[in-house]
Amino acid sequence: MPCPGFGVCLAADPVCGPIVSWIFTQRPARHSIARITRALNDAAIPCPSAAGSGHNPHPSRRQWVLTTVRAILANPRYTGRQLRKPPSAGAGSF
C-alpha cells in the first residue's frame, strides 16, 4: 500500500488489527500484561495461533498467554520503531 513520503506502508489486518489496537490502549491505562491476557481470554477473543495457521505457524493454542501479549507489545512493527532498510547501492555507486 503506498504511503506518501515513505514508500510503502503496512496495512492492518481487518480481524486482528482491532485486537492489537485494544491491547495497546490497555498498557497506558496501567493494566498489567497478565490482566490484558486474562481479559482477552475472558472475552473469548481467539489467540493468534487459533486465528489461523496463515497468521501464526506455531502449534495451535486455544488461549492467550503472557508471552504472546508481551511479544505483541514489543513488536517493532506495532510500536513504530521498525525502520525499513534503505535500498543497497548498486554496483558502481558512490
PDB file of N, CA and C in Angstrom:
ATOM      1  N   MET A   1       0.853  -1.170   0.000  1.00  0.00           N
ATOM      2  CA  MET A   1       0.000   0.000   0.000  1.00  0.00           C
ATOM      3  C   MET A   1       0.899   1.233   0.000  1.00  0.00           C
ATOM      4  N   PRO A   2       0.691   2.165  -0.899  1.00  0.00           N
ATOM      5  CA  PRO A   2       1.536   3.360  -0.960  1.00  0.00           C
ATOM      6  C   PRO A   2       1.375   4.222   0.288  1.00  0.00           C
ATOM      7  N   CYS A   3       2.464   4.840   0.684  1.00  0.00           N
ATOM      8  CA  CYS A   3       2.459   5.698   1.858  1.00  0.00           C
ATOM      9  C   CYS A   3       3.227   6.960   1.494  1.00  0.00           C
ATOM     10  N   PRO A   4       2.543   8.073   1.226  1.00  0.00           N
ATOM     11  CA  PRO A   4       3.208   9.285   0.756  1.00  0.00           C
ATOM     12  C   PRO A   4       4.400   9.677   1.625  1.00  0.00           C
ATOM     13  N   GLY A   5       5.534   9.844   0.968  1.00  0.00           N
ATOM     14  CA  GLY A   5       6.753  10.250   1.650  1.00  0.00           C
ATOM     15  C   GLY A   5       7.532   9.114   2.282  1.00  0.00           C
ATOM     16  N   PHE A   6       6.957   7.914   2.313  1.00  0.00           N
ATOM     17  CA  PHE A   6       7.633   6.806   2.964  1.00  0.00           C
ATOM     18  C   PHE A   6       7.756   5.582   2.080  1.00  0.00           C
ATOM     19  N   GLY A   7       7.208   5.575   0.894  1.00  0.00           N
ATOM     20  CA  GLY A   7       7.294   4.413   0.024  1.00  0.00           C
ATOM     21  C   GLY A   7       6.126   3.475   0.224  1.00  0.00           C
ATOM     22  N   VAL A   8       6.258   2.528   1.145  1.00  0.00           N
ATOM     23  CA  VAL A   8       5.225   1.522   1.365  1.00  0.00           C
ATOM     24  C   VAL A   8       4.851   1.503   2.840  1.00  0.00           C
ATOM     25  N   CYS A   9       3.556   1.432   3.123  1.00  0.00           N
ATOM     26  CA  CYS A   9       3.061   1.307   4.495  1.00  0.00           C
ATOM     27  C   CYS A   9       2.430  -0.067   4.653  1.00  0.00           C
ATOM     28  N   LEU A  10       2.453  -0.562   5.851  1.00  0.00           N
ATOM     29  CA  LEU A  10       1.789  -1.822   6.147  1.00  0.00           C
ATOM     30  C   LEU A  10       0.329  -1.538   6.457  1.00  0.00           C
ATOM     31  N   ALA A  11      -0.532  -2.422   6.040  1.00  0.00           N
ATOM     32  CA  ALA A  11      -1.961  -2.282   6.326  1.00  0.00           C
ATOM     33  C   ALA A  11      -2.325  -3.202   7.482  1.00  0.00           C
ATOM     34  N   ALA A  12      -3.198  -2.743   8.351  1.00  0.00           N
ATOM     35  CA  ALA A  12      -3.634  -3.551   9.483  1.00  0.00           C
ATOM     36  C   ALA A  12      -4.537  -4.682   9.007  1.00  0.00           C
ATOM     37  N   ASP A  13      -4.373  -5.827   9.617  1.00  0.00           N
ATOM     38  CA  ASP A  13      -5.242  -6.966   9.351  1.00  0.00           C
ATOM     39  C   ASP A  13      -6.639  -6.602   9.859  1.00  0.00           C
ATOM     40  N   PRO A  14      -7.685  -6.772   9.044  1.00  0.00           N
ATOM     41  CA  PRO A  14      -9.026  -6.340   9.460  1.00  0.00           C
ATOM     42  C   PRO A  14      -9.587  -7.117  10.644  1.00  0.00           C
ATOM     43  N   VAL A  15      -9.120  -8.331  10.878  1.00  0.00           N
ATOM     44  CA  VAL A  15      -9.607  -9.125  12.006  1.00  0.00           C
ATOM     45  C   VAL A  15      -8.742  -8.893  13.244  1.00  0.00           C
ATOM     46  N   CYS A  16      -7.441  -8.986  13.083  1.00  0.00           N
ATOM     47  CA  CYS A  16      -6.523  -8.897  14.226  1.00  0.00           C
ATOM     48  C   CYS A  16      -6.178  -7.459  14.602  1.00  0.00           C
ATOM     49  N   GLY A  17      -6.249  -6.549  13.668  1.00  0.00           N
ATOM     50  CA  GLY A  17      -5.880  -5.156  13.921  1.00  0.00           C
ATOM     51  C   GLY A  17      -6.599  -4.530  15.108  1.00  0.00           C
ATOM     52  N   PRO A  18      -7.924  -4.669  15.186  1.00  0.00           N
ATOM     53  CA  PRO A  18      -8.633  -4.073  16.331  1.00  0.00           C
ATOM     54  C   PRO A  18      -8.216  -4.693  17.673  1.00  0.00           C
ATOM     55  N   ILE A  19      -7.871  -5.963  17.676  1.00  0.00           N
ATOM     56  CA  ILE A  19      -7.428  -6.622  18.907  1.00  0.00           C
ATOM     57  C   ILE A  19      -6.079  -6.061  19.329  1.00  0.00           C
ATOM     58  N   VAL A  20      -5.169  -5.938  18.370  1.00  0.00           N
ATOM     59  CA  VAL A  20      -3.848  -5.379  18.666  1.00  0.00           C
ATOM     60  C   VAL A  20      -3.991  -3.940  19.149  1.00  0.00           C
ATOM     61  N   SER A  21      -4.842  -3.171  18.508  1.00  0.00           N
ATOM     62  CA  SER A  21      -5.072  -1.785  18.941  1.00  0.00           C
ATOM     63  C   SER A  21      -5.597  -1.743  20.370  1.00  0.00           C
ATOM     64  N   TRP A  22      -6.529  -2.642  20.689  1.00  0.00           N
ATOM     65  CA  TRP A  22      -7.077  -2.682  22.038  1.00  0.00           C
ATOM     66  C   TRP A  22      -5.982  -3.001  23.055  1.00  0.00           C
ATOM     67  N   ILE A  23      -5.116  -3.974  22.724  1.00  0.00           N
ATOM     68  CA  ILE A  23      -4.015  -4.331  23.626  1.00  0.00           C
ATOM     69  C   ILE A  23      -3.171  -3.094  23.916  1.00  0.00           C
ATOM     70  N   PHE A  24      -2.872  -2.312  22.887  1.00  0.00           N
ATOM     71  CA  PHE A  24      -2.045  -1.119  23.074  1.00  0.00           C
ATOM     72  C   PHE A  24      -2.753  -0.015  23.855  1.00  0.00           C
ATOM     73  N   THR A  25      -4.064  -0.002  23.887  1.00  0.00           N
ATOM     74  CA  THR A  25      -4.761   1.000  24.709  1.00  0.00           C
ATOM     75  C   THR A  25      -4.730   0.620  26.187  1.00  0.00           C
ATOM     76  N   GLN A  26      -4.518  -0.640  26.471  1.00  0.00           N
ATOM     77  CA  GLN A  26      -4.560  -1.105  27.851  1.00  0.00           C
ATOM     78  C   GLN A  26      -3.280  -0.797  28.637  1.00  0.00           C
ATOM     79  N   ARG A  27      -2.140  -0.791  27.975  1.00  0.00           N
ATOM     80  CA  ARG A  27      -0.886  -0.533  28.691  1.00  0.00           C
ATOM     81  C   ARG A  27      -0.817   0.894  29.230  1.00  0.00           C
ATOM     82  N   PRO A  28      -1.129   1.932  28.450  1.00  0.00           N
ATOM     83  CA  PRO A  28      -1.109   3.289  29.018  1.00  0.00           C
ATOM     84  C   PRO A  28      -2.133   3.456  30.142  1.00  0.00           C
ATOM     85  N   ALA A  29      -3.161   2.616  30.125  1.00  0.00           N
ATOM     86  CA  ALA A  29      -4.154   2.655  31.197  1.00  0.00           C
ATOM     87  C   ALA A  29      -3.644   1.898  32.435  1.00  0.00           C
ATOM     88  N   ARG A  30      -2.385   1.508  32.391  1.00  0.00           N
ATOM     89  CA  ARG A  30      -1.679   0.865  33.508  1.00  0.00           C
ATOM     90  C   ARG A  30      -2.179  -0.538  33.837  1.00  0.00           C
ATOM     91  N   HIS A  31      -2.700  -1.231  32.819  1.00  0.00           N
ATOM     92  CA  HIS A  31      -3.096  -2.620  33.015  1.00  0.00           C
ATOM     93  C   HIS A  31      -1.879  -3.512  32.815  1.00  0.00           C
ATOM     94  N   SER A  32      -1.733  -4.504  33.657  1.00  0.00           N
ATOM     95  CA  SER A  32      -0.607  -5.429  33.535  1.00  0.00           C
ATOM     96  C   SER A  32      -0.811  -6.352  32.336  1.00  0.00           C
ATOM     97  N   ILE A  33       0.277  -6.968  31.911  1.00  0.00           N
ATOM     98  CA  ILE A  33       0.181  -7.934  30.821  1.00  0.00           C
ATOM     99  C   ILE A  33      -0.718  -9.092  31.249  1.00  0.00           C
ATOM    100  N   ALA A  34      -0.624  -9.499  32.500  1.00  0.00           N
ATOM    101  CA  ALA A  34      -1.482 -10.584  32.999  1.00  0.00           C
ATOM    102  C   ALA A  34      -2.959 -10.191  32.925  1.00  0.00           C
ATOM    103  N   ARG A  35      -3.263  -8.958  33.289  1.00  0.00           N
ATOM    104  CA  ARG A  35      -4.661  -8.503  33.244  1.00  0.00           C
ATOM    105  C   ARG A  35      -5.168  -8.443  31.805  1.00  0.00           C
ATOM    106  N   ILE A  36      -4.336  -7.967  30.896  1.00  0.00           N
ATOM    107  CA  ILE A  36      -4.720  -7.911  29.475  1.00  0.00           C
ATOM    108  C   ILE A  36      -4.973  -9.323  28.956  1.00  0.00           C
ATOM    109  N   THR A  37      -4.061 -10.237  29.281  1.00  0.00           N
ATOM    110  CA  THR A  37      -4.194 -11.633  28.841  1.00  0.00           C
ATOM    111  C   THR A  37      -5.492 -12.238  29.379  1.00  0.00           C
ATOM    112  N   ARG A  38      -5.758 -12.016  30.639  1.00  0.00           N
ATOM    113  CA  ARG A  38      -6.969 -12.547  31.263  1.00  0.00           C
ATOM    114  C   ARG A  38      -8.222 -11.974  30.593  1.00  0.00           C
ATOM    115  N   ALA A  39      -8.209 -10.679  30.300  1.00  0.00           N
ATOM    116  CA  ALA A  39      -9.364 -10.041  29.658  1.00  0.00           C
ATOM    117  C   ALA A  39      -9.609 -10.617  28.260  1.00  0.00           C
ATOM    118  N   LEU A  40      -8.554 -10.865  27.513  1.00  0.00           N
ATOM    119  CA  LEU A  40      -8.700 -11.454  26.180  1.00  0.00           C
ATOM    120  C   LEU A  40      -9.317 -12.850  26.276  1.00  0.00           C
ATOM    121  N   ASN A  41      -8.826 -13.644  27.230  1.00  0.00           N
ATOM    122  CA  ASN A  41      -9.371 -14.993  27.412  1.00  0.00           C
ATOM    123  C   ASN A  41     -10.802 -14.951  27.930  1.00  0.00           C
ATOM    124  N   ASP A  42     -11.092 -14.058  28.872  1.00  0.00           N
ATOM    125  CA  ASP A  42     -12.457 -13.943  29.413  1.00  0.00           C
ATOM    126  C   ASP A  42     -13.458 -13.534  28.335  1.00  0.00           C
ATOM    127  N   ALA A  43     -13.002 -12.724  27.390  1.00  0.00           N
ATOM    128  CA  ALA A  43     -13.870 -12.272  26.293  1.00  0.00           C
ATOM    129  C   ALA A  43     -13.918 -13.275  25.142  1.00  0.00           C
ATOM    130  N   ALA A  44     -13.191 -14.391  25.292  1.00  0.00           N
ATOM    131  CA  ALA A  44     -13.143 -15.446  24.268  1.00  0.00           C
ATOM    132  C   ALA A  44     -12.625 -14.929  22.925  1.00  0.00           C
ATOM    133  N   ILE A  45     -11.671 -14.002  22.986  1.00  0.00           N
ATOM    134  CA  ILE A  45     -11.018 -13.499  21.770  1.00  0.00           C
ATOM    135  C   ILE A  45     -10.035 -14.576  21.310  1.00  0.00           C
ATOM    136  N   PRO A  46     -10.102 -15.016  20.067  1.00  0.00           N
ATOM    137  CA  PRO A  46      -9.169 -16.048  19.609  1.00  0.00           C
ATOM    138  C   PRO A  46      -7.724 -15.545  19.659  1.00  0.00           C
ATOM    139  N   CYS A  47      -6.843 -16.397  20.160  1.00  0.00           N
ATOM    140  CA  CYS A  47      -5.427 -16.033  20.179  1.00  0.00           C
ATOM    141  C   CYS A  47      -4.877 -16.149  18.760  1.00  0.00           C
ATOM    142  N   PRO A  48      -3.710 -15.554  18.479  1.00  0.00           N
ATOM    143  CA  PRO A  48      -3.183 -15.573  17.108  1.00  0.00           C
ATOM    144  C   PRO A  48      -3.055 -16.966  16.503  1.00  0.00           C
ATOM    145  N   SER A  49      -2.599 -17.946  17.267  1.00  0.00           N
ATOM    146  CA  SER A  49      -2.442 -19.282  16.696  1.00  0.00           C
ATOM    147  C   SER A  49      -3.792 -19.942  16.426  1.00  0.00           C
ATOM    148  N   ALA A  50      -4.829 -19.551  17.143  1.00  0.00           N
ATOM    149  CA  ALA A  50      -6.168 -20.097  16.892  1.00  0.00           C
ATOM    150  C   ALA A  50      -6.852 -19.386  15.734  1.00  0.00           C
ATOM    151  N   ALA A  51      -6.363 -18.183  15.388  1.00  0.00           N
ATOM    152  CA  ALA A  51      -6.981 -17.401  14.321  1.00  0.00           C
ATOM    153  C   ALA A  51      -6.729 -18.010  12.951  1.00  0.00           C
ATOM    154  N   GLY A  52      -5.730 -18.858  12.845  1.00  0.00           N
ATOM    155  CA  GLY A  52      -5.443 -19.498  11.572  1.00  0.00           C
ATOM    156  C   GLY A  52      -3.959 -19.698  11.383  1.00  0.00           C
ATOM    157  N   SER A  53      -3.616 -20.769  10.722  1.00  0.00           N
ATOM    158  CA  SER A  53      -2.201 -21.081  10.527  1.00  0.00           C
ATOM    159  C   SER A  53      -1.509 -20.073   9.626  1.00  0.00           C
ATOM    160  N   GLY A  54      -2.264 -19.324   8.840  1.00  0.00           N
ATOM    161  CA  GLY A  54      -1.661 -18.303   7.990  1.00  0.00           C
ATOM    162  C   GLY A  54      -1.097 -17.149   8.793  1.00  0.00           C
ATOM    163  N   HIS A  55      -1.655 -16.909   9.972  1.00  0.00           N
ATOM    164  CA  HIS A  55      -1.181 -15.834  10.833  1.00  0.00           C
ATOM    165  C   HIS A  55      -0.003 -16.274  11.680  1.00  0.00           C
ATOM    166  N   ASN A  56      -0.022 -17.511  12.110  1.00  0.00           N
ATOM    167  CA  ASN A  56       0.967 -17.979  13.056  1.00  0.00           C
ATOM    168  C   ASN A  56       1.208 -19.463  12.830  1.00  0.00           C
ATOM    169  N   PRO A  57       2.406 -19.846  12.412  1.00  0.00           N
ATOM    170  CA  PRO A  57       2.673 -21.251  12.108  1.00  0.00           C
ATOM    171  C   PRO A  57       2.943 -22.116  13.334  1.00  0.00           C
ATOM    172  N   HIS A  58       2.908 -21.547  14.538  1.00  0.00           N
ATOM    173  CA  HIS A  58       3.200 -22.313  15.745  1.00  0.00           C
ATOM    174  C   HIS A  58       2.049 -23.252  16.075  1.00  0.00           C
ATOM    175  N   PRO A  59       2.328 -24.264  16.884  1.00  0.00           N
ATOM    176  CA  PRO A  59       1.251 -25.191  17.267  1.00  0.00           C
ATOM    177  C   PRO A  59       0.071 -24.430  17.878  1.00  0.00           C
ATOM    178  N   SER A  60      -1.102 -24.877  17.565  1.00  0.00           N
ATOM    179  CA  SER A  60      -2.314 -24.174  17.991  1.00  0.00           C
ATOM    180  C   SER A  60      -2.502 -24.218  19.498  1.00  0.00           C
ATOM    181  N   ARG A  61      -2.769 -23.065  20.065  1.00  0.00           N
ATOM    182  CA  ARG A  61      -3.189 -22.939  21.459  1.00  0.00           C
ATOM    183  C   ARG A  61      -4.580 -22.332  21.394  1.00  0.00           C
ATOM    184  N   ARG A  62      -5.341 -22.565  22.410  1.00  0.00           N
ATOM    185  CA  ARG A  62      -6.709 -22.052  22.420  1.00  0.00           C
ATOM    186  C   ARG A  62      -6.853 -20.797  23.251  1.00  0.00           C
ATOM    187  N   GLN A  63      -5.838 -20.465  24.057  1.00  0.00           N
ATOM    188  CA  GLN A  63      -5.937 -19.289  24.902  1.00  0.00           C
ATOM    189  C   GLN A  63      -4.729 -18.390  24.719  1.00  0.00           C
ATOM    190  N   TRP A  64      -4.921 -17.126  25.066  1.00  0.00           N
ATOM    191  CA  TRP A  64      -3.826 -16.175  25.089  1.00  0.00           C
ATOM    192  C   TRP A  64      -2.899 -16.527  26.241  1.00  0.00           C
ATOM    193  N   VAL A  65      -1.605 -16.286  26.049  1.00  0.00           N
ATOM    194  CA  VAL A  65      -0.624 -16.481  27.109  1.00  0.00           C
ATOM    195  C   VAL A  65       0.170 -15.182  27.259  1.00  0.00           C
ATOM    196  N   LEU A  66       0.776 -15.017  28.435  1.00  0.00           N
ATOM    197  CA  LEU A  66       1.515 -13.784  28.723  1.00  0.00           C
ATOM    198  C   LEU A  66       2.565 -13.476  27.659  1.00  0.00           C
ATOM    199  N   THR A  67       3.281 -14.504  27.221  1.00  0.00           N
ATOM    200  CA  THR A  67       4.372 -14.257  26.267  1.00  0.00           C
ATOM    201  C   THR A  67       3.863 -13.739  24.930  1.00  0.00           C
ATOM    202  N   THR A  68       2.660 -14.139  24.541  1.00  0.00           N
ATOM    203  CA  THR A  68       2.093 -13.645  23.281  1.00  0.00           C
ATOM    204  C   THR A  68       1.758 -12.165  23.386  1.00  0.00           C
ATOM    205  N   VAL A  69       1.115 -11.778  24.477  1.00  0.00           N
ATOM    206  CA  VAL A  69       0.761 -10.368  24.663  1.00  0.00           C
ATOM    207  C   VAL A  69       2.035  -9.526  24.782  1.00  0.00           C
ATOM    208  N   ARG A  70       3.023 -10.023  25.526  1.00  0.00           N
ATOM    209  CA  ARG A  70       4.292  -9.302  25.671  1.00  0.00           C
ATOM    210  C   ARG A  70       4.976  -9.133  24.309  1.00  0.00           C
ATOM    211  N   ALA A  71       4.950 -10.184  23.490  1.00  0.00           N
ATOM    212  CA  ALA A  71       5.580 -10.112  22.158  1.00  0.00           C
ATOM    213  C   ALA A  71       4.874  -9.090  21.266  1.00  0.00           C
ATOM    214  N   ILE A  72       3.563  -9.015  21.346  1.00  0.00           N
ATOM    215  CA  ILE A  72       2.813  -8.023  20.563  1.00  0.00           C
ATOM    216  C   ILE A  72       3.204  -6.620  21.007  1.00  0.00           C
ATOM    217  N   LEU A  73       3.268  -6.390  22.307  1.00  0.00           N
ATOM    218  CA  LEU A  73       3.611  -5.067  22.829  1.00  0.00           C
ATOM    219  C   LEU A  73       5.041  -4.658  22.491  1.00  0.00           C
ATOM    220  N   ALA A  74       5.917  -5.630  22.252  1.00  0.00           N
ATOM    221  CA  ALA A  74       7.319  -5.339  21.933  1.00  0.00           C
ATOM    222  C   ALA A  74       7.612  -5.362  20.436  1.00  0.00           C
ATOM    223  N   ASN A  75       6.646  -5.747  19.612  1.00  0.00           N
ATOM    224  CA  ASN A  75       6.863  -5.890  18.176  1.00  0.00           C
ATOM    225  C   ASN A  75       7.139  -4.530  17.539  1.00  0.00           C
ATOM    226  N   PRO A  76       8.313  -4.359  16.921  1.00  0.00           N
ATOM    227  CA  PRO A  76       8.656  -3.060  16.343  1.00  0.00           C
ATOM    228  C   PRO A  76       7.718  -2.613  15.216  1.00  0.00           C
ATOM    229  N   ARG A  77       7.058  -3.531  14.561  1.00  0.00           N
ATOM    230  CA  ARG A  77       6.095  -3.130  13.524  1.00  0.00           C
ATOM    231  C   ARG A  77       4.887  -2.439  14.143  1.00  0.00           C
ATOM    232  N   TYR A  78       4.508  -2.877  15.336  1.00  0.00           N
ATOM    233  CA  TYR A  78       3.359  -2.283  16.010  1.00  0.00           C
ATOM    234  C   TYR A  78       3.738  -1.028  16.766  1.00  0.00           C
ATOM    235  N   THR A  79       4.954  -0.973  17.276  1.00  0.00           N
ATOM    236  CA  THR A  79       5.357   0.171  18.100  1.00  0.00           C
ATOM    237  C   THR A  79       5.841   1.346  17.274  1.00  0.00           C
ATOM    238  N   GLY A  80       6.084   1.122  15.966  1.00  0.00           N
ATOM    239  CA  GLY A  80       6.556   2.203  15.106  1.00  0.00           C
ATOM    240  C   GLY A  80       8.064   2.381  15.144  1.00  0.00           C
ATOM    241  N   ARG A  81       8.770   1.439  15.755  1.00  0.00           N
ATOM    242  CA  ARG A  81      10.224   1.553  15.840  1.00  0.00           C
ATOM    243  C   ARG A  81      10.953   0.823  14.728  1.00  0.00           C
ATOM    244  N   GLN A  82      10.228   0.076  13.903  1.00  0.00           N
ATOM    245  CA  GLN A  82      10.894  -0.649  12.830  1.00  0.00           C
ATOM    246  C   GLN A  82      11.208   0.311  11.698  1.00  0.00           C
ATOM    247  N   LEU A  83      12.439   0.295  11.280  1.00  0.00           N
ATOM    248  CA  LEU A  83      12.863   1.109  10.154  1.00  0.00           C
ATOM    249  C   LEU A  83      13.123   0.194   8.981  1.00  0.00           C
ATOM    250  N   ARG A  84      12.685   0.622   7.852  1.00  0.00           N
ATOM    251  CA  ARG A  84      12.926  -0.156   6.649  1.00  0.00           C
ATOM    252  C   ARG A  84      14.358   0.068   6.214  1.00  0.00           C
ATOM    253  N   LYS A  85      15.029  -1.019   5.930  1.00  0.00           N
ATOM    254  CA  LYS A  85      16.409  -0.930   5.482  1.00  0.00           C
ATOM    255  C   LYS A  85      16.450  -0.210   4.134  1.00  0.00           C
ATOM    256  N   PRO A  86      17.287   0.811   4.008  1.00  0.00           N
ATOM    257  CA  PRO A  86      17.352   1.516   2.722  1.00  0.00           C
ATOM    258  C   PRO A  86      17.886   0.593   1.633  1.00  0.00           C
ATOM    259  N   PRO A  87      17.492   0.839   0.387  1.00  0.00           N
ATOM    260  CA  PRO A  87      18.000   0.002  -0.694  1.00  0.00           C
ATOM    261  C   PRO A  87      19.512   0.076  -0.763  1.00  0.00           C
ATOM    262  N   SER A  88      20.137  -1.050  -1.034  1.00  0.00           N
ATOM    263  CA  SER A  88      21.590  -1.050  -1.118  1.00  0.00           C
ATOM    264  C   SER A  88      22.024  -0.337  -2.414  1.00  0.00           C
ATOM    265  N   ALA A  89      23.175   0.259  -2.331  1.00  0.00           N
ATOM    266  CA  ALA A  89      23.711   0.962  -3.502  1.00  0.00           C
ATOM    267  C   ALA A  89      24.088  -0.051  -4.565  1.00  0.00           C
ATOM    268  N   GLY A  90      23.777   0.264  -5.792  1.00  0.00           N
ATOM    269  CA  GLY A  90      24.111  -0.618  -6.906  1.00  0.00           C
ATOM    270  C   GLY A  90      25.604  -0.585  -7.204  1.00  0.00           C
ATOM    271  N   ALA A  91      26.033  -1.485  -8.007  1.00  0.00           N
ATOM    272  CA  ALA A  91      27.456  -1.552  -8.382  1.00  0.00           C
ATOM    273  C   ALA A  91      27.866  -0.247  -9.054  1.00  0.00           C
ATOM    274  N   GLY A  92      28.979   0.255  -8.671  1.00  0.00           N
ATOM    275  CA  GLY A  92      29.491   1.475  -9.268  1.00  0.00           C
ATOM    276  C   GLY A  92      28.956   2.732  -8.627  1.00  0.00           C
ATOM    277  N   SER A  93      28.112   2.612  -7.627  1.00  0.00           N
ATOM    278  CA  SER A  93      27.584   3.796  -6.933  1.00  0.00           C
ATOM    279  C   SER A  93      28.585   4.270  -5.900  1.00  0.00           C
ATOM    280  N   PHE A  94      28.570   5.553  -5.647  1.00  0.00           N
ATOM    281  CA  PHE A  94      29.491   6.110  -4.653  1.00  0.00           C
ATOM    282  C   PHE A  94      28.739   6.553  -3.441  1.00  0.00           C
TER     283      PHE A  94
END
